[in-house]
């Protein structure tokens, strides 16, 4: 099954920017399709492959921070090619 995942990483510390950059670079280095905007990052792929990857990427990011919030939305379809029709 294909999924779309919307992620927003919010480190609660002064050096937050580098942690966000490192997390996005880890996502970019994967085999999955990644789209970014100023508010969040989306990653798309097969559920059984993507979720274990995200589990490791999130854990690695959390281990390098004191306090962090990660907001994640999962949609059961691959929306990577979505374009508005208006």
PDB file of N, CA and C in Angstrom:
ATOM      1  N   UNK A   1       0.847  -1.180   0.000  1.00  0.00           N
ATOM      2  CA  UNK A   1       0.000   0.000   0.000  1.00  0.00           C
ATOM      3  C   UNK A   1       0.888   1.238   0.000  1.00  0.00           C
ATOM      4  N   UNK A   2       0.530   2.192  -0.818  1.00  0.00           N
ATOM      5  CA  UNK A   2       1.262   3.451  -0.916  1.00  0.00           C
ATOM      6  C   UNK A   2       0.733   4.458   0.107  1.00  0.00           C
ATOM      7  N   UNK A   3       1.657   5.243   0.684  1.00  0.00           N
ATOM      8  CA  UNK A   3       1.278   6.266   1.657  1.00  0.00           C
ATOM      9  C   UNK A   3       2.005   7.576   1.377  1.00  0.00           C
ATOM     10  N   UNK A   4       1.440   8.631   1.946  1.00  0.00           N
ATOM     11  CA  UNK A   4       2.052   9.964   1.956  1.00  0.00           C
ATOM     12  C   UNK A   4       2.174  10.352   3.419  1.00  0.00           C
ATOM     13  N   UNK A   5       3.334  10.877   3.805  1.00  0.00           N
ATOM     14  CA  UNK A   5       3.565  11.270   5.189  1.00  0.00           C
ATOM     15  C   UNK A   5       4.015  12.725   5.227  1.00  0.00           C
ATOM     16  N   UNK A   6       3.323  13.512   6.025  1.00  0.00           N
ATOM     17  CA  UNK A   6       3.652  14.924   6.210  1.00  0.00           C
ATOM     18  C   UNK A   6       4.323  15.058   7.574  1.00  0.00           C
ATOM     19  N   UNK A   7       5.538  15.607   7.599  1.00  0.00           N
ATOM     20  CA  UNK A   7       6.334  15.702   8.829  1.00  0.00           C
ATOM     21  C   UNK A   7       6.708  17.148   9.130  1.00  0.00           C
ATOM     22  N   UNK A   8       6.577  17.511  10.398  1.00  0.00           N
ATOM     23  CA  UNK A   8       7.075  18.796  10.870  1.00  0.00           C
ATOM     24  C   UNK A   8       7.902  18.534  12.125  1.00  0.00           C
ATOM     25  N   UNK A   9       9.208  18.774  12.034  1.00  0.00           N
ATOM     26  CA  UNK A   9      10.108  18.590  13.164  1.00  0.00           C
ATOM     27  C   UNK A   9      10.315  19.933  13.847  1.00  0.00           C
ATOM     28  N   UNK A  10      10.096  19.965  15.163  1.00  0.00           N
ATOM     29  CA  UNK A  10      10.212  21.215  15.926  1.00  0.00           C
ATOM     30  C   UNK A  10      11.098  21.006  17.147  1.00  0.00           C
ATOM     31  N   UNK A  11      12.415  21.129  16.985  1.00  0.00           N
ATOM     32  CA  UNK A  11      13.303  21.041  18.135  1.00  0.00           C
ATOM     33  C   UNK A  11      13.079  22.229  19.069  1.00  0.00           C
ATOM     34  N   UNK A  12      13.005  21.969  20.347  1.00  0.00           N
ATOM     35  CA  UNK A  12      12.753  23.036  21.327  1.00  0.00           C
ATOM     36  C   UNK A  12      14.065  23.418  22.013  1.00  0.00           C
ATOM     37  N   UNK A  13      14.973  23.952  21.213  1.00  0.00           N
ATOM     38  CA  UNK A  13      16.265  24.384  21.726  1.00  0.00           C
ATOM     39  C   UNK A  13      16.827  25.457  20.800  1.00  0.00           C
ATOM     40  N   UNK A  14      17.828  26.158  21.276  1.00  0.00           N
ATOM     41  CA  UNK A  14      18.368  27.296  20.533  1.00  0.00           C
ATOM     42  C   UNK A  14      18.967  26.920  19.181  1.00  0.00           C
ATOM     43  N   UNK A  15      19.608  25.774  19.097  1.00  0.00           N
ATOM     44  CA  UNK A  15      20.254  25.380  17.840  1.00  0.00           C
ATOM     45  C   UNK A  15      19.333  24.503  16.989  1.00  0.00           C
ATOM     46  N   UNK A  16      18.064  24.863  16.926  1.00  0.00           N
ATOM     47  CA  UNK A  16      17.048  24.061  16.243  1.00  0.00           C
ATOM     48  C   UNK A  16      17.296  23.902  14.754  1.00  0.00           C
ATOM     49  N   UNK A  17      17.820  24.939  14.112  1.00  0.00           N
ATOM     50  CA  UNK A  17      17.912  24.943  12.650  1.00  0.00           C
ATOM     51  C   UNK A  17      18.748  23.787  12.114  1.00  0.00           C
ATOM     52  N   UNK A  18      19.887  23.539  12.717  1.00  0.00           N
ATOM     53  CA  UNK A  18      20.756  22.464  12.219  1.00  0.00           C
ATOM     54  C   UNK A  18      20.096  21.097  12.377  1.00  0.00           C
ATOM     55  N   UNK A  19      19.337  20.899  13.432  1.00  0.00           N
ATOM     56  CA  UNK A  19      18.638  19.623  13.628  1.00  0.00           C
ATOM     57  C   UNK A  19      17.588  19.397  12.530  1.00  0.00           C
ATOM     58  N   UNK A  20      16.883  20.444  12.156  1.00  0.00           N
ATOM     59  CA  UNK A  20      15.889  20.341  11.086  1.00  0.00           C
ATOM     60  C   UNK A  20      16.585  20.043   9.761  1.00  0.00           C
ATOM     61  N   UNK A  21      17.672  20.730   9.480  1.00  0.00           N
ATOM     62  CA  UNK A  21      18.435  20.508   8.251  1.00  0.00           C
ATOM     63  C   UNK A  21      18.940  19.064   8.184  1.00  0.00           C
ATOM     64  N   UNK A  22      19.485  18.565   9.280  1.00  0.00           N
ATOM     65  CA  UNK A  22      20.003  17.192   9.311  1.00  0.00           C
ATOM     66  C   UNK A  22      18.895  16.174   9.062  1.00  0.00           C
ATOM     67  N   UNK A  23      17.724  16.416   9.646  1.00  0.00           N
ATOM     68  CA  UNK A  23      16.593  15.505   9.466  1.00  0.00           C
ATOM     69  C   UNK A  23      16.136  15.500   7.999  1.00  0.00           C
ATOM     70  N   UNK A  24      16.014  16.668   7.416  1.00  0.00           N
ATOM     71  CA  UNK A  24      15.586  16.753   6.018  1.00  0.00           C
ATOM     72  C   UNK A  24      16.625  16.104   5.097  1.00  0.00           C
ATOM     73  N   UNK A  25      17.898  16.301   5.369  1.00  0.00           N
ATOM     74  CA  UNK A  25      18.936  15.669   4.550  1.00  0.00           C
ATOM     75  C   UNK A  25      18.867  14.151   4.636  1.00  0.00           C
ATOM     76  N   UNK A  26      18.561  13.619   5.814  1.00  0.00           N
ATOM     77  CA  UNK A  26      18.409  12.165   5.959  1.00  0.00           C
ATOM     78  C   UNK A  26      17.240  11.664   5.115  1.00  0.00           C
ATOM     79  N   UNK A  27      16.158  12.430   5.091  1.00  0.00           N
ATOM     80  CA  UNK A  27      15.017  12.050   4.255  1.00  0.00           C
ATOM     81  C   UNK A  27      15.380  12.116   2.778  1.00  0.00           C
ATOM     82  N   UNK A  28      16.085  13.174   2.388  1.00  0.00           N
ATOM     83  CA  UNK A  28      16.489  13.339   0.986  1.00  0.00           C
ATOM     84  C   UNK A  28      17.396  12.209   0.518  1.00  0.00           C
ATOM     85  N   UNK A  29      18.242  11.694   1.417  1.00  0.00           N
ATOM     86  CA  UNK A  29      19.200  10.649   1.058  1.00  0.00           C
ATOM     87  C   UNK A  29      18.549   9.270   0.921  1.00  0.00           C
ATOM     88  N   UNK A  30      17.269   9.178   1.183  1.00  0.00           N
ATOM     89  CA  UNK A  30      16.574   7.893   1.074  1.00  0.00           C
ATOM     90  C   UNK A  30      16.175   7.635  -0.379  1.00  0.00           C
ATOM     91  N   UNK A  31      15.601   6.466  -0.608  1.00  0.00           N
ATOM     92  CA  UNK A  31      15.129   6.115  -1.949  1.00  0.00           C
ATOM     93  C   UNK A  31      13.725   6.636  -2.220  1.00  0.00           C
ATOM     94  N   UNK A  32      13.124   7.301  -1.235  1.00  0.00           N
ATOM     95  CA  UNK A  32      11.736   7.741  -1.340  1.00  0.00           C
ATOM     96  C   UNK A  32      11.636   9.133  -1.967  1.00  0.00           C
ATOM     97  N   UNK A  33      10.460   9.440  -2.500  1.00  0.00           N
ATOM     98  CA  UNK A  33      10.186  10.769  -3.034  1.00  0.00           C
ATOM     99  C   UNK A  33       9.966  11.721  -1.862  1.00  0.00           C
ATOM    100  N   UNK A  34      10.666  12.850  -1.873  1.00  0.00           N
ATOM    101  CA  UNK A  34      10.569  13.844  -0.791  1.00  0.00           C
ATOM    102  C   UNK A  34      10.240  15.199  -1.409  1.00  0.00           C
ATOM    103  N   UNK A  35       9.224  15.856  -0.862  1.00  0.00           N
ATOM    104  CA  UNK A  35       8.865  17.216  -1.269  1.00  0.00           C
ATOM    105  C   UNK A  35       8.902  18.099  -0.033  1.00  0.00           C
ATOM    106  N   UNK A  36       9.388  19.317  -0.195  1.00  0.00           N
ATOM    107  CA  UNK A  36       9.516  20.237   0.929  1.00  0.00           C
ATOM    108  C   UNK A  36       8.762  21.528   0.654  1.00  0.00           C
ATOM    109  N   UNK A  37       8.295  22.146   1.728  1.00  0.00           N
ATOM    110  CA  UNK A  37       7.750  23.494   1.658  1.00  0.00           C
ATOM    111  C   UNK A  37       8.171  24.204   2.943  1.00  0.00           C
ATOM    112  N   UNK A  38       7.880  25.468   3.107  1.00  0.00           N
ATOM    113  CA  UNK A  38       8.356  26.185   4.297  1.00  0.00           C
ATOM    114  C   UNK A  38       7.795  25.673   5.627  1.00  0.00           C
ATOM    115  N   UNK A  39       6.704  24.928   5.604  1.00  0.00           N
ATOM    116  CA  UNK A  39       6.062  24.500   6.853  1.00  0.00           C
ATOM    117  C   UNK A  39       6.279  23.039   7.205  1.00  0.00           C
ATOM    118  N   UNK A  40       6.537  22.194   6.194  1.00  0.00           N
ATOM    119  CA  UNK A  40       6.688  20.774   6.477  1.00  0.00           C
ATOM    120  C   UNK A  40       7.406  20.085   5.325  1.00  0.00           C
ATOM    121  N   UNK A  41       7.669  18.808   5.535  1.00  0.00           N
ATOM    122  CA  UNK A  41       8.301  17.976   4.524  1.00  0.00           C
ATOM    123  C   UNK A  41       7.415  16.765   4.307  1.00  0.00           C
ATOM    124  N   UNK A  42       7.211  16.395   3.062  1.00  0.00           N
ATOM    125  CA  UNK A  42       6.422  15.221   2.749  1.00  0.00           C
ATOM    126  C   UNK A  42       7.322  14.148   2.153  1.00  0.00           C
ATOM    127  N   UNK A  43       7.021  12.902   2.506  1.00  0.00           N
ATOM    128  CA  UNK A  43       7.751  11.761   1.965  1.00  0.00           C
ATOM    129  C   UNK A  43       6.725  10.713   1.548  1.00  0.00           C
ATOM    130  N   UNK A  44       7.003  10.033   0.433  1.00  0.00           N
ATOM    131  CA  UNK A  44       6.017   9.162  -0.191  1.00  0.00           C
ATOM    132  C   UNK A  44       6.637   7.811  -0.512  1.00  0.00           C
ATOM    133  N   UNK A  45       5.860   6.742  -0.319  1.00  0.00           N
ATOM    134  CA  UNK A  45       6.354   5.422  -0.679  1.00  0.00           C
ATOM    135  C   UNK A  45       5.479   4.310  -0.170  1.00  0.00           C
ATOM    136  N   UNK A  46       6.007   3.096  -0.271  1.00  0.00           N
ATOM    137  CA  UNK A  46       5.314   1.900   0.179  1.00  0.00           C
ATOM    138  C   UNK A  46       5.341   1.843   1.706  1.00  0.00           C
ATOM    139  N   UNK A  47       4.183   1.595   2.303  1.00  0.00           N
ATOM    140  CA  UNK A  47       4.048   1.591   3.769  1.00  0.00           C
ATOM    141  C   UNK A  47       5.084   0.694   4.445  1.00  0.00           C
ATOM    142  N   UNK A  48       5.210  -0.553   3.959  1.00  0.00           N
ATOM    143  CA  UNK A  48       6.100  -1.520   4.610  1.00  0.00           C
ATOM    144  C   UNK A  48       7.575  -1.156   4.506  1.00  0.00           C
ATOM    145  N   UNK A  49       7.924  -0.312   3.569  1.00  0.00           N
ATOM    146  CA  UNK A  49       9.309   0.147   3.432  1.00  0.00           C
ATOM    147  C   UNK A  49       9.520   1.505   4.097  1.00  0.00           C
ATOM    148  N   UNK A  50       8.548   2.385   3.940  1.00  0.00           N
ATOM    149  CA  UNK A  50       8.697   3.755   4.428  1.00  0.00           C
ATOM    150  C   UNK A  50       8.634   3.859   5.949  1.00  0.00           C
ATOM    151  N   UNK A  51       7.702   3.160   6.571  1.00  0.00           N
ATOM    152  CA  UNK A  51       7.546   3.300   8.024  1.00  0.00           C
ATOM    153  C   UNK A  51       8.774   2.833   8.811  1.00  0.00           C
ATOM    154  N   UNK A  52       9.407   1.687   8.477  1.00  0.00           N
ATOM    155  CA  UNK A  52      10.651   1.335   9.185  1.00  0.00           C
ATOM    156  C   UNK A  52      11.764   2.372   8.966  1.00  0.00           C
ATOM    157  N   UNK A  53      11.845   2.908   7.734  1.00  0.00           N
ATOM    158  CA  UNK A  53      12.831   3.956   7.473  1.00  0.00           C
ATOM    159  C   UNK A  53      12.570   5.171   8.359  1.00  0.00           C
ATOM    160  N   UNK A  54      11.311   5.623   8.415  1.00  0.00           N
ATOM    161  CA  UNK A  54      10.971   6.786   9.239  1.00  0.00           C
ATOM    162  C   UNK A  54      11.230   6.519  10.716  1.00  0.00           C
ATOM    163  N   UNK A  55      10.942   5.325  11.169  1.00  0.00           N
ATOM    164  CA  UNK A  55      11.197   4.970  12.566  1.00  0.00           C
ATOM    165  C   UNK A  55      12.670   5.199  12.924  1.00  0.00           C
ATOM    166  N   UNK A  56      13.564   4.748  12.058  1.00  0.00           N
ATOM    167  CA  UNK A  56      14.998   4.932  12.296  1.00  0.00           C
ATOM    168  C   UNK A  56      15.408   6.401  12.176  1.00  0.00           C
ATOM    169  N   UNK A  57      14.905   7.091  11.155  1.00  0.00           N
ATOM    170  CA  UNK A  57      15.271   8.499  10.945  1.00  0.00           C
ATOM    171  C   UNK A  57      14.798   9.369  12.101  1.00  0.00           C
ATOM    172  N   UNK A  58      13.593   9.125  12.589  1.00  0.00           N
ATOM    173  CA  UNK A  58      13.062   9.895  13.715  1.00  0.00           C
ATOM    174  C   UNK A  58      13.859   9.595  14.984  1.00  0.00           C
ATOM    175  N   UNK A  59      14.149   8.328  15.222  1.00  0.00           N
ATOM    176  CA  UNK A  59      14.933   7.957  16.410  1.00  0.00           C
ATOM    177  C   UNK A  59      16.314   8.607  16.374  1.00  0.00           C
ATOM    178  N   UNK A  60      16.980   8.567  15.219  1.00  0.00           N
ATOM    179  CA  UNK A  60      18.299   9.194  15.098  1.00  0.00           C
ATOM    180  C   UNK A  60      18.219  10.689  15.389  1.00  0.00           C
ATOM    181  N   UNK A  61      17.199  11.345  14.880  1.00  0.00           N
ATOM    182  CA  UNK A  61      17.036  12.776  15.112  1.00  0.00           C
ATOM    183  C   UNK A  61      16.786  13.063  16.592  1.00  0.00           C
ATOM    184  N   UNK A  62      15.899  12.299  17.193  1.00  0.00           N
ATOM    185  CA  UNK A  62      15.585  12.494  18.615  1.00  0.00           C
ATOM    186  C   UNK A  62      16.802  12.266  19.510  1.00  0.00           C
ATOM    187  N   UNK A  63      17.654  11.307  19.156  1.00  0.00           N
ATOM    188  CA  UNK A  63      18.835  11.009  19.979  1.00  0.00           C
ATOM    189  C   UNK A  63      19.829  12.164  20.001  1.00  0.00           C
ATOM    190  N   UNK A  64      19.756  13.047  19.011  1.00  0.00           N
ATOM    191  CA  UNK A  64      20.684  14.177  18.924  1.00  0.00           C
ATOM    192  C   UNK A  64      20.105  15.477  19.476  1.00  0.00           C
ATOM    193  N   UNK A  65      18.955  15.399  20.159  1.00  0.00           N
ATOM    194  CA  UNK A  65      18.302  16.597  20.671  1.00  0.00           C
ATOM    195  C   UNK A  65      17.865  16.389  22.116  1.00  0.00           C
ATOM    196  N   UNK A  66      17.721  17.507  22.828  1.00  0.00           N
ATOM    197  CA  UNK A  66      17.243  17.426  24.203  1.00  0.00           C
ATOM    198  C   UNK A  66      15.727  17.267  24.248  1.00  0.00           C
ATOM    199  N   UNK A  67      15.017  18.166  23.599  1.00  0.00           N
ATOM    200  CA  UNK A  67      13.559  18.139  23.560  1.00  0.00           C
ATOM    201  C   UNK A  67      13.124  18.452  22.131  1.00  0.00           C
ATOM    202  N   UNK A  68      12.166  17.675  21.632  1.00  0.00           N
ATOM    203  CA  UNK A  68      11.737  17.844  20.251  1.00  0.00           C
ATOM    204  C   UNK A  68      10.300  17.382  20.089  1.00  0.00           C
ATOM    205  N   UNK A  69       9.573  18.057  19.212  1.00  0.00           N
ATOM    206  CA  UNK A  69       8.215  17.663  18.849  1.00  0.00           C
ATOM    207  C   UNK A  69       8.229  17.293  17.367  1.00  0.00           C
ATOM    208  N   UNK A  70       7.609  16.170  17.046  1.00  0.00           N
ATOM    209  CA  UNK A  70       7.456  15.774  15.651  1.00  0.00           C
ATOM    210  C   UNK A  70       5.965  15.583  15.395  1.00  0.00           C
ATOM    211  N   UNK A  71       5.445  16.345  14.443  1.00  0.00           N
ATOM    212  CA  UNK A  71       4.054  16.202  14.032  1.00  0.00           C
ATOM    213  C   UNK A  71       4.051  15.407  12.733  1.00  0.00           C
ATOM    214  N   UNK A  72       3.240  14.340  12.708  1.00  0.00           N
ATOM    215  CA  UNK A  72       3.227  13.472  11.538  1.00  0.00           C
ATOM    216  C   UNK A  72       1.788  13.161  11.147  1.00  0.00           C
ATOM    217  N   UNK A  73       1.492  13.329   9.856  1.00  0.00           N
ATOM    218  CA  UNK A  73       0.197  12.941   9.295  1.00  0.00           C
ATOM    219  C   UNK A  73       0.460  11.895   8.226  1.00  0.00           C
ATOM    220  N   UNK A  74      -0.338  10.838   8.237  1.00  0.00           N
ATOM    221  CA  UNK A  74      -0.184   9.760   7.266  1.00  0.00           C
ATOM    222  C   UNK A  74      -1.480   9.625   6.473  1.00  0.00           C
ATOM    223  N   UNK A  75      -1.339   9.617   5.154  1.00  0.00           N
ATOM    224  CA  UNK A  75      -2.487   9.472   4.263  1.00  0.00           C
ATOM    225  C   UNK A  75      -2.311   8.174   3.473  1.00  0.00           C
ATOM    226  N   UNK A  76      -3.364   7.392   3.381  1.00  0.00           N
ATOM    227  CA  UNK A  76      -3.294   6.113   2.666  1.00  0.00           C
ATOM    228  C   UNK A  76      -3.468   6.315   1.164  1.00  0.00           C
ATOM    229  N   UNK A  77      -2.488   6.887   0.550  1.00  0.00           N
ATOM    230  CA  UNK A  77      -2.371   7.034  -0.899  1.00  0.00           C
ATOM    231  C   UNK A  77      -1.092   7.811  -1.172  1.00  0.00           C
ATOM    232  N   UNK A  78      -0.532   7.638  -2.319  1.00  0.00           N
ATOM    233  CA  UNK A  78       0.658   8.396  -2.697  1.00  0.00           C
ATOM    234  C   UNK A  78       0.194   9.658  -3.416  1.00  0.00           C
ATOM    235  N   UNK A  79       0.365  10.799  -2.780  1.00  0.00           N
ATOM    236  CA  UNK A  79      -0.083  12.089  -3.320  1.00  0.00           C
ATOM    237  C   UNK A  79       1.084  12.903  -3.892  1.00  0.00           C
ATOM    238  N   UNK A  80       2.187  12.263  -4.209  1.00  0.00           N
ATOM    239  CA  UNK A  80       3.382  12.996  -4.663  1.00  0.00           C
ATOM    240  C   UNK A  80       3.184  13.713  -5.985  1.00  0.00           C
ATOM    241  N   UNK A  81       2.217  13.289  -6.775  1.00  0.00           N
ATOM    242  CA  UNK A  81       2.001  13.941  -8.063  1.00  0.00           C
ATOM    243  C   UNK A  81       0.798  14.874  -8.048  1.00  0.00           C
ATOM    244  N   UNK A  82       0.285  15.167  -6.886  1.00  0.00           N
ATOM    245  CA  UNK A  82      -0.889  16.027  -6.776  1.00  0.00           C
ATOM    246  C   UNK A  82      -0.611  17.422  -7.324  1.00  0.00           C
ATOM    247  N   UNK A  83      -1.537  17.933  -8.098  1.00  0.00           N
ATOM    248  CA  UNK A  83      -1.514  19.318  -8.576  1.00  0.00           C
ATOM    249  C   UNK A  83      -2.904  19.890  -8.410  1.00  0.00           C
ATOM    250  N   UNK A  84      -3.022  21.098  -7.915  1.00  0.00           N
ATOM    251  CA  UNK A  84      -4.342  21.708  -7.755  1.00  0.00           C
ATOM    252  C   UNK A  84      -5.053  21.833  -9.103  1.00  0.00           C
ATOM    253  N   UNK A  85      -6.358  21.726  -9.093  1.00  0.00           N
ATOM    254  CA  UNK A  85      -7.145  21.811 -10.321  1.00  0.00           C
ATOM    255  C   UNK A  85      -7.935  23.120 -10.389  1.00  0.00           C
ATOM    256  N   UNK A  86      -7.398  24.173  -9.788  1.00  0.00           N
ATOM    257  CA  UNK A  86      -8.081  25.467  -9.812  1.00  0.00           C
ATOM    258  C   UNK A  86      -7.095  26.576 -10.008  1.00  0.00           C
TER     259      UNK A  86
END
